[in-house]
Amino acid sequence: MNRIAMKSTIKKISALSLILILSACAELAKHAETIKPTAKLAGAHIANINFDKVDLVFDLEVENKNPIALDLAGLDYDFKVENQSLVSGVTAKAIKLKANGTSPVQLPVTLKFDDLKKLPGEIWDKDRLAYDLQTTFNIILPFIGNYAIPVAKQGELPVPKVPNIKIKDVKIKKLNFTSADIVAQVEVDNPNDFNMALKSFNYNLNINQKNWGQGEITKSSEIPGKGKGIIEIPLKLDLFSMGSAAVALLQNKSPVDYQLTGNATLDTG
């Protein structure tokens, strides 16, 4: 075969290859709906919650029916609370979606409760808030390019409120000239619609503006939702080191100015 004929053959082959590629692309685009991946939300859970913020984790799944792995270029999301957009962003972490299978994707969202106070109305006073998560998967498909898959999730999340802790009463259980056993009854008012457990409590007791002792309780006590509970805090006083003034104060029936301060660890379940 001469050189001119060879060049002509190469041109024909190149043209044929181009036609085949274009035909394949046209056929691929024609049946694109059958190969485009699908996405859904498999679940959602609260990873952490306190009086400052709540950390939510949304478990999503992407099903790729193609015989090749695909790239998840990014994930756009908009988190709304009571129809107000509070958290939005883009996760740019590239993820490989396995071929002929389902790949899990986790989306963490943090909501700061201070942001709720900026919203109009009495949203902060509610026990539960309705949320709406709108996400968009950006997947790169061969020959087609970027393909967006919207996924939405609606639900509710609790809004924890700080309980009111106050001294109900202080009682003397045992008294002699060297020591006194005192029990402080602390009332915990739980404004939430879920139970709350007091896991630990370290405290200081001041009598007539003087520190009389401190201690810690670690026994867990559960306070019902929208209810109250009484927690007894024992305290042993060494009257010998406090002097005779302490004994006179305890034996006197005049009112006593007392104050209990400390830190409590609460479990919202």
C-alpha atoms as a PDB file:
ATOM      1  CA  MET A   1       0.000   0.000   0.000  1.00  0.00           C
ATOM      2  CA  ASN A   2       1.433   3.363  -1.011  1.00  0.00           C
ATOM      3  CA  ARG A   3       1.730   6.287   1.313  1.00  0.00           C
ATOM      4  CA  ILE A   4      -1.254   8.157  -0.155  1.00  0.00           C
ATOM      5  CA  ALA A   5      -3.507   5.125   0.203  1.00  0.00           C
ATOM      6  CA  MET A   6      -2.302   4.598   3.781  1.00  0.00           C
ATOM      7  CA  LYS A   7      -3.136   8.202   4.682  1.00  0.00           C
ATOM      8  CA  SER A   8      -6.565   7.799   3.113  1.00  0.00           C
ATOM      9  CA  THR A   9      -7.159   4.609   5.126  1.00  0.00           C
ATOM     10  CA  ILE A  10      -6.083   6.329   8.364  1.00  0.00           C
ATOM     11  CA  LYS A  11      -8.442   9.209   7.653  1.00  0.00           C
ATOM     12  CA  LYS A  12     -11.294   6.782   7.049  1.00  0.00           C
ATOM     13  CA  ILE A  13     -10.531   4.930  10.284  1.00  0.00           C
ATOM     14  CA  SER A  14     -10.331   8.216  12.241  1.00  0.00           C
ATOM     15  CA  ALA A  15     -13.564   9.395  10.722  1.00  0.00           C
ATOM     16  CA  LEU A  16     -15.189   6.054  11.529  1.00  0.00           C
ATOM     17  CA  SER A  17     -13.906   6.206  15.105  1.00  0.00           C
ATOM     18  CA  LEU A  18     -15.280   9.723  15.487  1.00  0.00           C
ATOM     19  CA  ILE A  19     -18.638   8.598  14.111  1.00  0.00           C
ATOM     20  CA  LEU A  20     -18.708   5.648  16.522  1.00  0.00           C
ATOM     21  CA  ILE A  21     -17.823   7.894  19.487  1.00  0.00           C
ATOM     22  CA  LEU A  22     -20.464  10.435  18.534  1.00  0.00           C
ATOM     23  CA  SER A  23     -22.999   7.675  18.072  1.00  0.00           C
ATOM     24  CA  ALA A  24     -22.081   6.222  21.465  1.00  0.00           C
ATOM     25  CA  CYS A  25     -22.421   9.646  23.075  1.00  0.00           C
ATOM     26  CA  ALA A  26     -25.761  10.199  21.392  1.00  0.00           C
ATOM     27  CA  GLU A  27     -26.959   6.770  22.481  1.00  0.00           C
ATOM     28  CA  LEU A  28     -25.649   7.377  26.005  1.00  0.00           C
ATOM     29  CA  ALA A  29     -27.406  10.728  26.222  1.00  0.00           C
ATOM     30  CA  LYS A  30     -30.550   9.157  24.777  1.00  0.00           C
ATOM     31  CA  HIS A  31     -30.677   6.547  27.538  1.00  0.00           C
ATOM     32  CA  ALA A  32     -29.082   8.738  30.218  1.00  0.00           C
ATOM     33  CA  GLU A  33     -32.061   8.459  32.561  1.00  0.00           C
ATOM     34  CA  THR A  34     -31.493   4.727  32.927  1.00  0.00           C
ATOM     35  CA  ILE A  35     -27.874   5.104  34.066  1.00  0.00           C
ATOM     36  CA  LYS A  36     -28.080   8.219  36.176  1.00  0.00           C
ATOM     37  CA  PRO A  37     -27.482   7.411  39.847  1.00  0.00           C
ATOM     38  CA  THR A  38     -30.131   7.931  42.499  1.00  0.00           C
ATOM     39  CA  ALA A  39     -29.777   9.219  46.048  1.00  0.00           C
ATOM     40  CA  LYS A  40     -31.872   8.974  49.198  1.00  0.00           C
ATOM     41  CA  LEU A  41     -31.693   9.735  52.902  1.00  0.00           C
ATOM     42  CA  ALA A  42     -31.252   6.547  54.928  1.00  0.00           C
ATOM     43  CA  GLY A  43     -31.500   8.087  58.371  1.00  0.00           C
ATOM     44  CA  ALA A  44     -30.723  10.977  60.691  1.00  0.00           C
ATOM     45  CA  HIS A  45     -29.577  11.090  64.290  1.00  0.00           C
ATOM     46  CA  ILE A  46     -28.396  13.541  66.944  1.00  0.00           C
ATOM     47  CA  ALA A  47     -24.680  13.057  67.532  1.00  0.00           C
ATOM     48  CA  ASN A  48     -24.474  15.576  70.365  1.00  0.00           C
ATOM     49  CA  ILE A  49     -26.765  18.068  72.034  1.00  0.00           C
ATOM     50  CA  ASN A  50     -26.250  20.578  74.819  1.00  0.00           C
ATOM     51  CA  PHE A  51     -27.566  24.003  75.764  1.00  0.00           C
ATOM     52  CA  ASP A  52     -25.424  25.725  73.130  1.00  0.00           C
ATOM     53  CA  LYS A  53     -25.834  23.633  70.005  1.00  0.00           C
ATOM     54  CA  VAL A  54     -27.016  20.399  68.431  1.00  0.00           C
ATOM     55  CA  ASP A  55     -24.890  18.277  66.100  1.00  0.00           C
ATOM     56  CA  LEU A  56     -26.959  16.366  63.559  1.00  0.00           C
ATOM     57  CA  VAL A  57     -25.693  13.657  61.222  1.00  0.00           C
ATOM     58  CA  PHE A  58     -27.647  12.779  58.087  1.00  0.00           C
ATOM     59  CA  ASP A  59     -26.899   9.391  56.552  1.00  0.00           C
ATOM     60  CA  LEU A  60     -27.373   9.473  52.789  1.00  0.00           C
ATOM     61  CA  GLU A  61     -26.969   6.762  50.175  1.00  0.00           C
ATOM     62  CA  VAL A  62     -26.098   7.038  46.487  1.00  0.00           C
ATOM     63  CA  GLU A  63     -26.879   4.112  44.194  1.00  0.00           C
ATOM     64  CA  ASN A  64     -24.680   3.835  41.118  1.00  0.00           C
ATOM     65  CA  LYS A  65     -25.907   1.325  38.543  1.00  0.00           C
ATOM     66  CA  ASN A  66     -23.053   1.999  36.151  1.00  0.00           C
ATOM     67  CA  PRO A  67     -20.301  -0.594  35.669  1.00  0.00           C
ATOM     68  CA  ILE A  68     -17.713   2.085  36.488  1.00  0.00           C
ATOM     69  CA  ALA A  69     -17.065   4.131  39.611  1.00  0.00           C
ATOM     70  CA  LEU A  70     -18.267   7.736  39.633  1.00  0.00           C
ATOM     71  CA  ASP A  71     -17.022  10.852  41.373  1.00  0.00           C
ATOM     72  CA  LEU A  72     -19.116  12.820  43.839  1.00  0.00           C
ATOM     73  CA  ALA A  73     -17.763  16.301  43.228  1.00  0.00           C
ATOM     74  CA  GLY A  74     -19.596  17.954  46.104  1.00  0.00           C
ATOM     75  CA  LEU A  75     -22.727  18.227  48.179  1.00  0.00           C
ATOM     76  CA  ASP A  76     -24.713  21.453  48.554  1.00  0.00           C
ATOM     77  CA  TYR A  77     -27.070  21.775  51.514  1.00  0.00           C
ATOM     78  CA  ASP A  78     -29.465  24.244  53.069  1.00  0.00           C
ATOM     79  CA  PHE A  79     -30.760  23.579  56.591  1.00  0.00           C
ATOM     80  CA  LYS A  80     -33.942  25.453  57.473  1.00  0.00           C
ATOM     81  CA  VAL A  81     -35.630  25.737  60.866  1.00  0.00           C
ATOM     82  CA  GLU A  82     -39.261  26.861  60.938  1.00  0.00           C
ATOM     83  CA  ASN A  83     -38.872  27.900  57.264  1.00  0.00           C
ATOM     84  CA  GLN A  84     -35.860  30.076  58.092  1.00  0.00           C
ATOM     85  CA  SER A  85     -32.497  29.223  56.508  1.00  0.00           C
ATOM     86  CA  LEU A  86     -29.911  28.929  59.293  1.00  0.00           C
ATOM     87  CA  VAL A  87     -27.090  26.711  58.039  1.00  0.00           C
ATOM     88  CA  SER A  88     -25.966  26.276  54.448  1.00  0.00           C
ATOM     89  CA  GLY A  89     -22.780  25.315  52.682  1.00  0.00           C
ATOM     90  CA  VAL A  90     -20.931  23.004  50.343  1.00  0.00           C
ATOM     91  CA  THR A  91     -18.948  19.911  51.235  1.00  0.00           C
ATOM     92  CA  ALA A  92     -16.175  19.798  48.679  1.00  0.00           C
ATOM     93  CA  LYS A  93     -14.722  16.474  49.778  1.00  0.00           C
ATOM     94  CA  ALA A  94     -14.433  14.219  46.724  1.00  0.00           C
ATOM     95  CA  ILE A  95     -15.955  10.765  47.202  1.00  0.00           C
ATOM     96  CA  LYS A  96     -15.738   7.754  44.911  1.00  0.00           C
ATOM     97  CA  LEU A  97     -19.092   6.087  44.282  1.00  0.00           C
ATOM     98  CA  LYS A  98     -18.501   2.416  43.729  1.00  0.00           C
ATOM     99  CA  ALA A  99     -19.715   0.725  40.562  1.00  0.00           C
ATOM    100  CA  ASN A 100     -22.897  -1.361  40.580  1.00  0.00           C
ATOM    101  CA  GLY A 101     -23.565  -0.601  44.217  1.00  0.00           C
ATOM    102  CA  THR A 102     -24.635   1.813  46.925  1.00  0.00           C
ATOM    103  CA  SER A 103     -22.201   4.193  48.619  1.00  0.00           C
ATOM    104  CA  PRO A 104     -22.920   5.811  52.015  1.00  0.00           C
ATOM    105  CA  VAL A 105     -22.381   9.546  52.436  1.00  0.00           C
ATOM    106  CA  GLN A 106     -22.561  11.360  55.791  1.00  0.00           C
ATOM    107  CA  LEU A 107     -23.530  15.006  56.107  1.00  0.00           C
ATOM    108  CA  PRO A 108     -22.867  16.623  59.528  1.00  0.00           C
ATOM    109  CA  VAL A 109     -24.838  19.785  60.324  1.00  0.00           C
ATOM    110  CA  THR A 110     -24.326  21.904  63.448  1.00  0.00           C
ATOM    111  CA  LEU A 111     -27.093  24.212  64.642  1.00  0.00           C
ATOM    112  CA  LYS A 112     -26.222  26.844  67.252  1.00  0.00           C
ATOM    113  CA  PHE A 113     -29.176  27.715  69.458  1.00  0.00           C
ATOM    114  CA  ASP A 114     -28.057  31.340  69.674  1.00  0.00           C
ATOM    115  CA  ASP A 115     -28.955  31.628  65.990  1.00  0.00           C
ATOM    116  CA  LEU A 116     -32.563  30.771  66.847  1.00  0.00           C
ATOM    117  CA  LYS A 117     -32.807  33.824  69.067  1.00  0.00           C
ATOM    118  CA  LYS A 118     -32.148  36.020  66.038  1.00  0.00           C
ATOM    119  CA  LEU A 119     -35.226  34.718  64.244  1.00  0.00           C
ATOM    120  CA  PRO A 120     -38.537  36.591  64.436  1.00  0.00           C
ATOM    121  CA  GLY A 121     -41.391  35.389  66.619  1.00  0.00           C
ATOM    122  CA  GLU A 122     -41.346  33.105  69.645  1.00  0.00           C
ATOM    123  CA  ILE A 123     -39.405  30.260  68.039  1.00  0.00           C
ATOM    124  CA  TRP A 124     -37.045  29.888  70.994  1.00  0.00           C
ATOM    125  CA  ASP A 125     -39.953  29.227  73.363  1.00  0.00           C
ATOM    126  CA  LYS A 126     -41.014  26.089  71.480  1.00  0.00           C
ATOM    127  CA  ASP A 127     -40.111  22.634  72.787  1.00  0.00           C
ATOM    128  CA  ARG A 128     -39.564  21.219  69.304  1.00  0.00           C
ATOM    129  CA  LEU A 129     -38.682  22.839  66.019  1.00  0.00           C
ATOM    130  CA  ALA A 130     -39.513  21.703  62.508  1.00  0.00           C
ATOM    131  CA  TYR A 131     -36.519  21.463  60.189  1.00  0.00           C
ATOM    132  CA  ASP A 132     -36.157  21.062  56.441  1.00  0.00           C
ATOM    133  CA  LEU A 133     -32.917  19.817  54.904  1.00  0.00           C
ATOM    134  CA  GLN A 134     -32.425  20.420  51.182  1.00  0.00           C
ATOM    135  CA  THR A 135     -29.367  18.782  49.634  1.00  0.00           C
ATOM    136  CA  THR A 136     -28.010  18.486  46.116  1.00  0.00           C
ATOM    137  CA  PHE A 137     -25.528  15.808  45.064  1.00  0.00           C
ATOM    138  CA  ASN A 138     -23.176  16.921  42.304  1.00  0.00           C
ATOM    139  CA  ILE A 139     -22.020  13.790  40.468  1.00  0.00           C
ATOM    140  CA  ILE A 140     -19.740  13.700  37.438  1.00  0.00           C
ATOM    141  CA  LEU A 141     -21.108  11.368  34.734  1.00  0.00           C
ATOM    142  CA  PRO A 142     -18.996  10.205  31.759  1.00  0.00           C
ATOM    143  CA  PHE A 143     -19.737  12.160  28.563  1.00  0.00           C
ATOM    144  CA  ILE A 144     -22.610  13.979  30.265  1.00  0.00           C
ATOM    145  CA  GLY A 145     -20.707  15.983  32.872  1.00  0.00           C
ATOM    146  CA  ASN A 146     -22.100  17.293  36.144  1.00  0.00           C
ATOM    147  CA  TYR A 147     -25.421  15.796  37.221  1.00  0.00           C
ATOM    148  CA  ALA A 148     -27.358  17.148  40.200  1.00  0.00           C
ATOM    149  CA  ILE A 149     -29.548  14.947  42.427  1.00  0.00           C
ATOM    150  CA  PRO A 150     -31.791  16.733  44.943  1.00  0.00           C
ATOM    151  CA  VAL A 151     -32.603  15.013  48.257  1.00  0.00           C
ATOM    152  CA  ALA A 152     -34.830  16.493  50.970  1.00  0.00           C
ATOM    153  CA  LYS A 153     -35.539  15.556  54.580  1.00  0.00           C
ATOM    154  CA  GLN A 154     -38.066  17.015  57.021  1.00  0.00           C
ATOM    155  CA  GLY A 155     -38.323  16.334  60.727  1.00  0.00           C
ATOM    156  CA  GLU A 156     -38.265  17.763  64.236  1.00  0.00           C
ATOM    157  CA  LEU A 157     -35.546  18.379  66.773  1.00  0.00           C
ATOM    158  CA  PRO A 158     -35.813  19.108  70.500  1.00  0.00           C
ATOM    159  CA  VAL A 159     -34.695  22.421  71.947  1.00  0.00           C
ATOM    160  CA  PRO A 160     -33.100  21.815  75.364  1.00  0.00           C
ATOM    161  CA  LYS A 161     -33.722  24.469  77.988  1.00  0.00           C
ATOM    162  CA  VAL A 162     -31.612  25.005  81.088  1.00  0.00           C
ATOM    163  CA  PRO A 163     -33.439  23.664  84.164  1.00  0.00           C
ATOM    164  CA  ASN A 164     -34.066  25.853  87.171  1.00  0.00           C
ATOM    165  CA  ILE A 165     -32.134  24.627  90.210  1.00  0.00           C
ATOM    166  CA  LYS A 166     -32.814  26.134  93.629  1.00  0.00           C
ATOM    167  CA  ILE A 167     -32.604  25.278  97.304  1.00  0.00           C
ATOM    168  CA  LYS A 168     -35.922  24.102  98.720  1.00  0.00           C
ATOM    169  CA  ASP A 169     -34.851  23.580 102.314  1.00  0.00           C
ATOM    170  CA  VAL A 170     -31.873  22.876 104.571  1.00  0.00           C
ATOM    171  CA  LYS A 171     -32.370  20.417 107.421  1.00  0.00           C
ATOM    172  CA  ILE A 172     -30.167  19.396 110.320  1.00  0.00           C
ATOM    173  CA  LYS A 173     -30.130  15.621 110.672  1.00  0.00           C
ATOM    174  CA  LYS A 174     -27.594  15.304 113.462  1.00  0.00           C
ATOM    175  CA  LEU A 175     -25.976  17.851 115.749  1.00  0.00           C
ATOM    176  CA  ASN A 176     -23.444  17.671 118.538  1.00  0.00           C
ATOM    177  CA  PHE A 177     -20.698  19.927 119.822  1.00  0.00           C
ATOM    178  CA  THR A 178     -18.125  18.758 117.272  1.00  0.00           C
ATOM    179  CA  SER A 179     -20.049  18.193 114.062  1.00  0.00           C
ATOM    180  CA  ALA A 180     -23.328  18.639 112.250  1.00  0.00           C
ATOM    181  CA  ASP A 181     -24.883  16.562 109.496  1.00  0.00           C
ATOM    182  CA  ILE A 182     -26.866  18.792 107.141  1.00  0.00           C
ATOM    183  CA  VAL A 183     -29.059  17.828 104.180  1.00  0.00           C
ATOM    184  CA  ALA A 184     -29.832  20.454 101.548  1.00  0.00           C
ATOM    185  CA  GLN A 185     -32.929  19.716  99.510  1.00  0.00           C
ATOM    186  CA  VAL A 186     -32.451  21.011  95.980  1.00  0.00           C
ATOM    187  CA  GLU A 187     -35.416  21.345  93.646  1.00  0.00           C
ATOM    188  CA  VAL A 188     -34.788  20.840  89.929  1.00  0.00           C
ATOM    189  CA  ASP A 189     -37.494  22.173  87.593  1.00  0.00           C
ATOM    190  CA  ASN A 190     -37.205  20.569  84.127  1.00  0.00           C
ATOM    191  CA  PRO A 191     -38.895  22.759  81.473  1.00  0.00           C
ATOM    192  CA  ASN A 192     -38.191  20.278  78.658  1.00  0.00           C
ATOM    193  CA  ASP A 193     -40.632  17.734  77.270  1.00  0.00           C
ATOM    194  CA  PHE A 194     -38.057  14.965  77.724  1.00  0.00           C
ATOM    195  CA  ASN A 195     -36.578  13.422  80.872  1.00  0.00           C
ATOM    196  CA  MET A 196     -33.313  14.801  82.175  1.00  0.00           C
ATOM    197  CA  ALA A 197     -30.854  13.080  84.495  1.00  0.00           C
ATOM    198  CA  LEU A 198     -28.627  14.882  86.966  1.00  0.00           C
ATOM    199  CA  LYS A 199     -25.422  12.847  86.712  1.00  0.00           C
ATOM    200  CA  SER A 200     -23.224  14.763  89.154  1.00  0.00           C
ATOM    201  CA  PHE A 201     -23.266  17.929  91.202  1.00  0.00           C
ATOM    202  CA  ASN A 202     -20.366  19.648  92.959  1.00  0.00           C
ATOM    203  CA  TYR A 203     -21.333  22.391  95.336  1.00  0.00           C
ATOM    204  CA  ASN A 204     -20.392  24.969  97.949  1.00  0.00           C
ATOM    205  CA  LEU A 205     -22.605  25.873 100.895  1.00  0.00           C
ATOM    206  CA  ASN A 206     -22.416  29.402 102.288  1.00  0.00           C
ATOM    207  CA  ILE A 207     -24.063  30.263 105.606  1.00  0.00           C
ATOM    208  CA  ASN A 208     -24.428  33.962 106.432  1.00  0.00           C
ATOM    209  CA  GLN A 209     -21.982  34.749 103.621  1.00  0.00           C
ATOM    210  CA  LYS A 210     -19.335  32.371 104.959  1.00  0.00           C
ATOM    211  CA  ASN A 211     -18.253  29.120 103.341  1.00  0.00           C
ATOM    212  CA  TRP A 212     -19.250  26.200 105.504  1.00  0.00           C
ATOM    213  CA  GLY A 213     -18.353  23.335 103.259  1.00  0.00           C
ATOM    214  CA  GLN A 214     -18.318  21.763  99.856  1.00  0.00           C
ATOM    215  CA  GLY A 215     -18.834  18.368  98.336  1.00  0.00           C
ATOM    216  CA  GLU A 216     -20.009  16.375  95.354  1.00  0.00           C
ATOM    217  CA  ILE A 217     -22.727  13.849  94.603  1.00  0.00           C
ATOM    218  CA  THR A 218     -22.403  11.366  91.751  1.00  0.00           C
ATOM    219  CA  LYS A 219     -25.632   9.404  92.168  1.00  0.00           C
ATOM    220  CA  SER A 220     -27.806   9.878  89.087  1.00  0.00           C
ATOM    221  CA  SER A 221     -31.284  11.313  89.608  1.00  0.00           C
ATOM    222  CA  GLU A 222     -33.851  11.520  86.802  1.00  0.00           C
ATOM    223  CA  ILE A 223     -36.153  14.510  86.484  1.00  0.00           C
ATOM    224  CA  PRO A 224     -39.293  13.890  84.386  1.00  0.00           C
ATOM    225  CA  GLY A 225     -40.105  16.061  81.410  1.00  0.00           C
ATOM    226  CA  LYS A 226     -42.174  19.128  82.340  1.00  0.00           C
ATOM    227  CA  GLY A 227     -41.775  18.064  85.958  1.00  0.00           C
ATOM    228  CA  LYS A 228     -39.840  18.664  89.146  1.00  0.00           C
ATOM    229  CA  GLY A 229     -37.609  16.549  91.318  1.00  0.00           C
ATOM    230  CA  ILE A 230     -35.996  16.868  94.736  1.00  0.00           C
ATOM    231  CA  ILE A 231     -32.335  15.960  95.182  1.00  0.00           C
ATOM    232  CA  GLU A 232     -30.879  15.658  98.651  1.00  0.00           C
ATOM    233  CA  ILE A 233     -27.330  16.881  99.094  1.00  0.00           C
ATOM    234  CA  PRO A 234     -25.574  15.737 102.291  1.00  0.00           C
ATOM    235  CA  LEU A 235     -22.995  17.932 103.956  1.00  0.00           C
ATOM    236  CA  LYS A 236     -20.983  17.256 107.118  1.00  0.00           C
ATOM    237  CA  LEU A 237     -19.709  20.265 109.040  1.00  0.00           C
ATOM    238  CA  ASP A 238     -16.788  20.291 111.430  1.00  0.00           C
ATOM    239  CA  LEU A 239     -18.106  22.609 114.148  1.00  0.00           C
ATOM    240  CA  PHE A 240     -15.007  22.237 116.264  1.00  0.00           C
ATOM    241  CA  SER A 241     -12.913  24.052 113.658  1.00  0.00           C
ATOM    242  CA  MET A 242     -15.667  26.640 113.111  1.00  0.00           C
ATOM    243  CA  GLY A 243     -15.836  27.575 116.746  1.00  0.00           C
ATOM    244  CA  SER A 244     -18.661  28.201 119.161  1.00  0.00           C
ATOM    245  CA  ALA A 245     -20.260  30.758 116.840  1.00  0.00           C
ATOM    246  CA  ALA A 246     -21.310  27.968 114.484  1.00  0.00           C
ATOM    247  CA  VAL A 247     -23.013  26.015 117.274  1.00  0.00           C
ATOM    248  CA  ALA A 248     -24.846  29.114 118.441  1.00  0.00           C
ATOM    249  CA  LEU A 249     -26.000  29.798 114.907  1.00  0.00           C
ATOM    250  CA  LEU A 250     -27.420  26.300 114.476  1.00  0.00           C
ATOM    251  CA  GLN A 251     -29.177  26.367 117.840  1.00  0.00           C
ATOM    252  CA  ASN A 252     -30.632  29.824 117.247  1.00  0.00           C
ATOM    253  CA  LYS A 253     -34.134  29.877 115.722  1.00  0.00           C
ATOM    254  CA  SER A 254     -33.565  33.147 113.874  1.00  0.00           C
ATOM    255  CA  PRO A 255     -33.532  32.992 110.043  1.00  0.00           C
ATOM    256  CA  VAL A 256     -30.306  31.841 108.428  1.00  0.00           C
ATOM    257  CA  ASP A 257     -29.059  33.248 105.140  1.00  0.00           C
ATOM    258  CA  TYR A 258     -27.807  30.309 103.086  1.00  0.00           C
ATOM    259  CA  GLN A 259     -26.660  29.935  99.499  1.00  0.00           C
ATOM    260  CA  LEU A 260     -25.801  26.836  97.516  1.00  0.00           C
ATOM    261  CA  THR A 261     -23.666  27.226  94.397  1.00  0.00           C
ATOM    262  CA  GLY A 262     -22.047  24.690  92.116  1.00  0.00           C
ATOM    263  CA  ASN A 263     -21.943  22.951  88.756  1.00  0.00           C
ATOM    264  CA  ALA A 264     -24.248  20.189  87.562  1.00  0.00           C
ATOM    265  CA  THR A 265     -23.737  17.654  84.784  1.00  0.00           C
ATOM    266  CA  LEU A 266     -26.983  16.888  82.986  1.00  0.00           C
ATOM    267  CA  ASP A 267     -27.821  14.032  80.649  1.00  0.00           C
ATOM    268  CA  THR A 268     -30.535  14.720  78.078  1.00  0.00           C
ATOM    269  CA  GLY A 269     -30.600  11.134  76.871  1.00  0.00           C
END
